[in-house]
Amino acid sequence: MSAPAIPTLLWHDWQAAWSLDAIAILGSLLYLIAARRLRQRWPRRRTAAFLAGVACVVVALQSGVDSFGDRELSVHMVQHLLLLELAPLLLLAGRPGILALRSAPRAGRRPLAQAFVRLRPITHPIVGLSVFSAVVIVTHLPFFYDATLSHPALHQAEHSLYLVAGALMWWPIVDGNPVPGRRLDGLGRLVYVIVAMLPMTVLGAFLDRAPELVYPAYGPPAHGLGISAIADQQQAGAIMWVLGSTLMVLAGLWQAMSALVAEERRLQIREASLPGPPLTDPWRER
Protein backbone atom coordinates (compact mmCIF):
# COMPACT_ATOMS: atom_id res chain seq x y z
CA MET A 1 0.00 0.00 0.00
CA SER A 2 1.38 3.41 -0.96
CA ALA A 3 0.96 6.65 0.93
CA PRO A 4 -1.95 8.71 -0.48
CA ALA A 5 -1.62 12.41 -1.21
CA ILE A 6 -2.92 14.50 1.66
CA PRO A 7 -5.48 16.48 -0.43
CA THR A 8 -7.15 13.25 -1.59
CA LEU A 9 -7.70 12.19 2.02
CA LEU A 10 -10.17 15.05 2.45
CA TRP A 11 -12.78 13.12 0.46
CA HIS A 12 -11.46 9.52 0.52
CA ASP A 13 -11.52 6.76 3.15
CA TRP A 14 -14.48 8.16 5.07
CA GLN A 15 -15.61 6.41 8.24
CA ALA A 16 -19.00 7.44 9.58
CA ALA A 17 -19.33 8.55 13.20
CA TRP A 18 -23.06 8.84 13.83
CA SER A 19 -22.77 10.61 17.16
CA LEU A 20 -20.63 13.33 15.57
CA ASP A 21 -23.01 13.57 12.61
CA ALA A 22 -25.96 14.01 14.96
CA ILE A 23 -24.22 16.83 16.84
CA ALA A 24 -23.17 18.50 13.58
CA ILE A 25 -26.68 18.31 12.12
CA LEU A 26 -28.32 19.54 15.32
CA GLY A 27 -25.92 22.48 15.68
CA SER A 28 -26.37 23.45 12.04
CA LEU A 29 -30.17 23.25 12.27
CA LEU A 30 -30.30 25.39 15.40
CA TYR A 31 -28.09 27.99 13.75
CA LEU A 32 -30.18 28.03 10.56
CA ILE A 33 -33.44 28.31 12.51
CA ALA A 34 -32.06 31.25 14.50
CA ALA A 35 -30.79 32.94 11.31
CA ARG A 36 -34.17 32.43 9.65
CA ARG A 37 -35.91 34.19 12.55
CA LEU A 38 -33.88 37.30 11.73
CA ARG A 39 -34.78 37.00 8.02
CA GLN A 40 -32.70 39.43 5.93
CA ARG A 41 -31.03 41.02 8.95
CA TRP A 42 -28.45 38.23 9.32
CA PRO A 43 -25.50 38.26 6.84
CA ARG A 44 -25.23 35.14 4.71
CA ARG A 45 -21.44 35.21 4.96
CA ARG A 46 -21.72 34.50 8.69
CA THR A 47 -24.01 31.55 8.07
CA ALA A 48 -21.59 30.24 5.44
CA ALA A 49 -18.66 30.62 7.85
CA PHE A 50 -20.41 28.70 10.64
CA LEU A 51 -21.50 25.85 8.36
CA ALA A 52 -17.98 25.69 6.91
CA GLY A 53 -16.64 25.35 10.46
CA VAL A 54 -19.01 22.45 11.15
CA ALA A 55 -17.93 20.82 7.88
CA CYS A 56 -14.30 21.31 8.84
CA VAL A 57 -14.80 19.37 12.07
CA VAL A 58 -16.59 16.57 10.22
CA VAL A 59 -13.81 16.32 7.62
CA ALA A 60 -11.11 16.30 10.30
CA LEU A 61 -12.75 13.47 12.26
CA GLN A 62 -14.37 11.28 9.60
CA SER A 63 -12.35 11.56 6.39
CA GLY A 64 -9.08 9.90 5.48
CA VAL A 65 -7.35 12.60 7.50
CA ASP A 66 -8.50 10.74 10.62
CA SER A 67 -8.04 7.18 9.35
CA PHE A 68 -4.47 7.85 8.16
CA GLY A 69 -3.55 10.11 11.07
CA ASP A 70 -2.07 7.23 13.06
CA ARG A 71 0.08 6.13 10.11
CA GLU A 72 1.46 9.43 8.79
CA LEU A 73 2.54 12.21 11.12
CA SER A 74 2.06 14.79 8.37
CA VAL A 75 -1.59 13.78 8.01
CA HIS A 76 -2.00 13.93 11.78
CA MET A 77 -0.67 17.50 11.76
CA VAL A 78 -3.22 18.47 9.11
CA GLN A 79 -5.92 17.16 11.43
CA HIS A 80 -4.47 19.17 14.31
CA LEU A 81 -4.52 22.37 12.24
CA LEU A 82 -8.12 21.78 11.20
CA LEU A 83 -9.24 21.31 14.81
CA LEU A 84 -6.95 23.83 16.50
CA GLU A 85 -7.08 26.71 14.05
CA LEU A 86 -9.41 26.53 11.07
CA ALA A 87 -12.60 25.01 12.54
CA PRO A 88 -12.74 27.26 15.65
CA LEU A 89 -11.97 30.33 13.53
CA LEU A 90 -14.81 29.58 11.10
CA LEU A 91 -17.29 28.71 13.85
CA LEU A 92 -16.60 31.96 15.71
CA ALA A 93 -16.64 33.94 12.45
CA GLY A 94 -20.28 32.85 12.21
CA ARG A 95 -20.94 34.98 15.34
CA PRO A 96 -23.12 32.36 17.06
CA GLY A 97 -23.21 34.41 20.27
CA ILE A 98 -24.60 37.50 18.56
CA LEU A 99 -27.08 35.35 16.64
CA ALA A 100 -28.27 33.71 19.85
CA LEU A 101 -28.86 37.08 21.52
CA ARG A 102 -30.67 38.62 18.56
CA SER A 103 -32.90 35.64 17.85
CA ALA A 104 -33.75 34.81 21.46
CA PRO A 105 -37.15 35.83 22.90
CA ARG A 106 -37.06 39.11 24.80
CA ALA A 107 -37.46 37.34 28.14
CA GLY A 108 -34.42 35.17 27.49
CA ARG A 109 -32.02 37.84 26.26
CA ARG A 110 -31.06 39.25 29.64
CA PRO A 111 -30.11 35.87 31.22
CA LEU A 112 -28.20 34.97 28.04
CA ALA A 113 -26.32 38.28 28.10
CA GLN A 114 -25.47 37.73 31.76
CA ALA A 115 -24.10 34.30 30.89
CA PHE A 116 -21.76 35.87 28.33
CA VAL A 117 -20.66 38.45 30.90
CA ARG A 118 -19.72 35.62 33.28
CA LEU A 119 -17.56 34.14 30.52
CA ARG A 120 -15.28 37.18 30.41
CA PRO A 121 -12.67 35.88 32.88
CA ILE A 122 -12.39 32.60 30.96
CA THR A 123 -12.13 34.29 27.57
CA HIS A 124 -9.58 36.92 28.58
CA PRO A 125 -6.71 37.20 26.04
CA ILE A 126 -4.11 36.01 28.56
CA VAL A 127 -6.23 32.98 29.41
CA GLY A 128 -6.72 32.17 25.72
CA LEU A 129 -3.00 32.40 24.98
CA SER A 130 -2.07 30.37 28.04
CA VAL A 131 -4.53 27.55 27.39
CA PHE A 132 -3.69 27.39 23.69
CA SER A 133 0.08 27.33 24.30
CA ALA A 134 -0.21 24.71 27.05
CA VAL A 135 -2.42 22.45 24.93
CA VAL A 136 -0.11 22.67 21.89
CA ILE A 137 3.00 21.91 23.94
CA VAL A 138 1.67 19.21 26.28
CA THR A 139 -0.24 17.22 23.64
CA HIS A 140 2.86 17.04 21.45
CA LEU A 141 5.18 15.75 24.16
CA PRO A 142 6.26 12.22 23.14
CA PHE A 143 4.76 10.45 26.17
CA PHE A 144 1.34 12.10 25.70
CA TYR A 145 1.39 11.75 21.92
CA ASP A 146 2.20 8.05 22.10
CA ALA A 147 -0.56 7.57 24.68
CA THR A 148 -3.17 9.04 22.33
CA LEU A 149 -2.15 6.56 19.63
CA SER A 150 -2.69 3.66 22.05
CA HIS A 151 -5.86 4.85 23.82
CA PRO A 152 -8.78 5.84 21.53
CA ALA A 153 -10.71 7.51 24.36
CA LEU A 154 -7.77 9.80 25.13
CA HIS A 155 -7.43 10.53 21.42
CA GLN A 156 -11.10 11.58 21.20
CA ALA A 157 -10.70 13.76 24.30
CA GLU A 158 -7.70 15.40 22.64
CA HIS A 159 -9.86 16.38 19.67
CA SER A 160 -12.38 18.10 21.94
CA LEU A 161 -9.55 19.81 23.79
CA TYR A 162 -8.19 21.17 20.51
CA LEU A 163 -11.54 22.70 19.59
CA VAL A 164 -11.89 24.33 23.01
CA ALA A 165 -8.30 25.62 23.04
CA GLY A 166 -8.65 26.95 19.50
CA ALA A 167 -11.91 28.71 20.36
CA LEU A 168 -10.37 30.34 23.44
CA MET A 169 -7.39 31.47 21.37
CA TRP A 170 -9.47 33.05 18.58
CA TRP A 171 -12.20 34.42 20.88
CA PRO A 172 -10.58 37.80 21.78
CA ILE A 173 -9.71 38.78 18.20
CA VAL A 174 -12.84 37.46 16.47
CA ASP A 175 -15.06 39.13 19.10
CA GLY A 176 -16.64 35.86 20.17
CA ASN A 177 -18.34 37.52 23.12
CA PRO A 178 -21.38 39.58 22.02
CA VAL A 179 -21.22 41.44 25.35
CA PRO A 180 -17.51 42.35 25.51
CA GLY A 181 -16.00 44.28 28.38
CA ARG A 182 -13.14 45.55 26.25
CA ARG A 183 -12.03 44.77 22.71
CA LEU A 184 -8.47 44.50 21.46
CA ASP A 185 -7.58 47.27 19.03
CA GLY A 186 -5.87 46.63 15.69
CA LEU A 187 -2.32 46.70 17.08
CA GLY A 188 -3.35 44.56 20.03
CA ARG A 189 -4.72 41.89 17.71
CA LEU A 190 -1.52 41.76 15.70
CA VAL A 191 0.60 41.36 18.84
CA TYR A 192 -1.81 38.73 20.13
CA VAL A 193 -1.53 36.66 16.95
CA ILE A 194 2.27 36.89 16.92
CA VAL A 195 2.42 35.56 20.48
CA ALA A 196 -0.11 32.81 19.69
CA MET A 197 2.05 31.70 16.74
CA LEU A 198 5.11 31.00 18.89
CA PRO A 199 4.30 27.49 20.20
CA MET A 200 3.20 26.29 16.74
CA THR A 201 6.28 27.81 15.10
CA VAL A 202 8.74 26.42 17.63
CA LEU A 203 7.22 22.94 17.57
CA GLY A 204 7.02 22.89 13.78
CA ALA A 205 10.63 24.03 13.41
CA PHE A 206 11.76 21.37 15.91
CA LEU A 207 10.00 18.55 14.02
CA ASP A 208 11.28 19.84 10.70
CA ARG A 209 14.91 19.88 11.90
CA ALA A 210 14.99 16.89 14.26
CA PRO A 211 17.55 14.30 13.01
CA GLU A 212 15.73 11.36 14.66
CA LEU A 213 12.12 10.25 15.04
CA VAL A 214 10.40 12.18 17.82
CA TYR A 215 7.48 9.71 17.81
CA PRO A 216 8.88 6.20 17.16
CA ALA A 217 5.37 4.76 16.75
CA TYR A 218 5.25 6.28 13.25
CA GLY A 219 8.29 4.30 12.08
CA PRO A 220 6.66 0.93 11.19
CA PRO A 221 3.55 2.45 9.50
CA ALA A 222 5.74 4.71 7.38
CA HIS A 223 7.83 1.72 6.31
CA GLY A 224 4.65 -0.15 5.39
CA LEU A 225 3.54 2.77 3.20
CA GLY A 226 6.92 2.90 1.49
CA ILE A 227 7.89 6.35 2.76
CA SER A 228 10.64 7.71 4.97
CA ALA A 229 9.48 8.33 8.53
CA ILE A 230 12.02 11.16 8.86
CA ALA A 231 10.80 12.80 5.66
CA ASP A 232 7.21 12.46 6.87
CA GLN A 233 8.20 14.06 10.19
CA GLN A 234 9.87 16.93 8.36
CA GLN A 235 6.75 17.45 6.27
CA ALA A 236 4.65 17.44 9.43
CA GLY A 237 6.89 20.12 10.95
CA ALA A 238 6.65 22.24 7.81
CA ILE A 239 2.85 21.96 7.84
CA MET A 240 2.63 23.16 11.42
CA TRP A 241 5.34 25.78 10.98
CA VAL A 242 4.48 27.30 7.60
CA LEU A 243 0.82 26.48 7.00
CA GLY A 244 -0.24 27.04 10.60
CA SER A 245 1.62 30.35 10.87
CA THR A 246 0.30 31.55 7.51
CA LEU A 247 -3.30 30.92 8.53
CA MET A 248 -2.83 32.77 11.81
CA VAL A 249 -1.09 35.72 10.15
CA LEU A 250 -3.79 36.11 7.49
CA ALA A 251 -6.59 35.87 10.06
CA GLY A 252 -4.78 38.26 12.38
CA LEU A 253 -4.23 40.85 9.65
CA TRP A 254 -7.86 40.62 8.57
CA GLN A 255 -9.13 41.10 12.10
CA ALA A 256 -6.66 43.91 12.77
CA MET A 257 -7.83 45.77 9.66
CA SER A 258 -11.46 45.17 10.63
CA ALA A 259 -10.79 46.62 14.09
CA LEU A 260 -9.10 49.71 12.60
CA VAL A 261 -11.98 50.28 10.17
CA ALA A 262 -14.53 49.88 12.97
CA GLU A 263 -12.62 52.35 15.15
CA GLU A 264 -12.50 54.87 12.29
CA ARG A 265 -16.26 54.56 11.83
CA ARG A 266 -16.86 55.11 15.54
CA LEU A 267 -14.70 58.25 15.43
CA GLN A 268 -16.63 59.59 12.44
CA ILE A 269 -19.96 58.99 14.17
CA ARG A 270 -18.66 60.68 17.33
CA GLU A 271 -17.42 63.71 15.38
CA ALA A 272 -20.69 63.97 13.49
CA SER A 273 -22.60 64.11 16.78
CA LEU A 274 -20.53 67.01 18.16
CA PRO A 275 -22.22 70.45 18.23
CA GLY A 276 -21.08 73.16 15.85
CA PRO A 277 -19.85 73.06 12.25
CA PRO A 278 -18.36 69.80 10.94
CA LEU A 279 -14.64 69.33 11.47
CA THR A 280 -12.50 69.94 8.42
CA ASP A 281 -8.94 69.10 7.47
CA PRO A 282 -6.89 72.37 7.61
CA TRP A 283 -4.30 70.93 5.21
CA ARG A 284 -6.80 70.09 2.49
CA GLU A 285 -6.34 72.17 -0.66
CA ARG A 286 -9.00 74.80 -1.15
Foldseek 3Di string as FASTA:
>chain_A
DADDDLVVQLAADFDDDVVLVVVLVVVLVVLVVLVVLVPPPADVQLNVLQNVLSSLLRSLCTTSLNVCVLQFVQSVLVSLCSLQARSLVSNLSSLPLVSCLVSDPPVPNVVSLVVLVVCQVCLPLVNLLVLLLVLLVVCPQQVNVVVCSVDVVSVVVNSVSSNVSNNSLCCQLSVSRPNDPDHDALVRLQVSLVSSLVSLQVQLVCQLPPPDDSHCSNCVSCVVNVHHNSVSSNSNSCCSNPVVSVSSNVVSNVSNVVRVVVVVVVVVVVQVPDDDDGDDDPPDDD
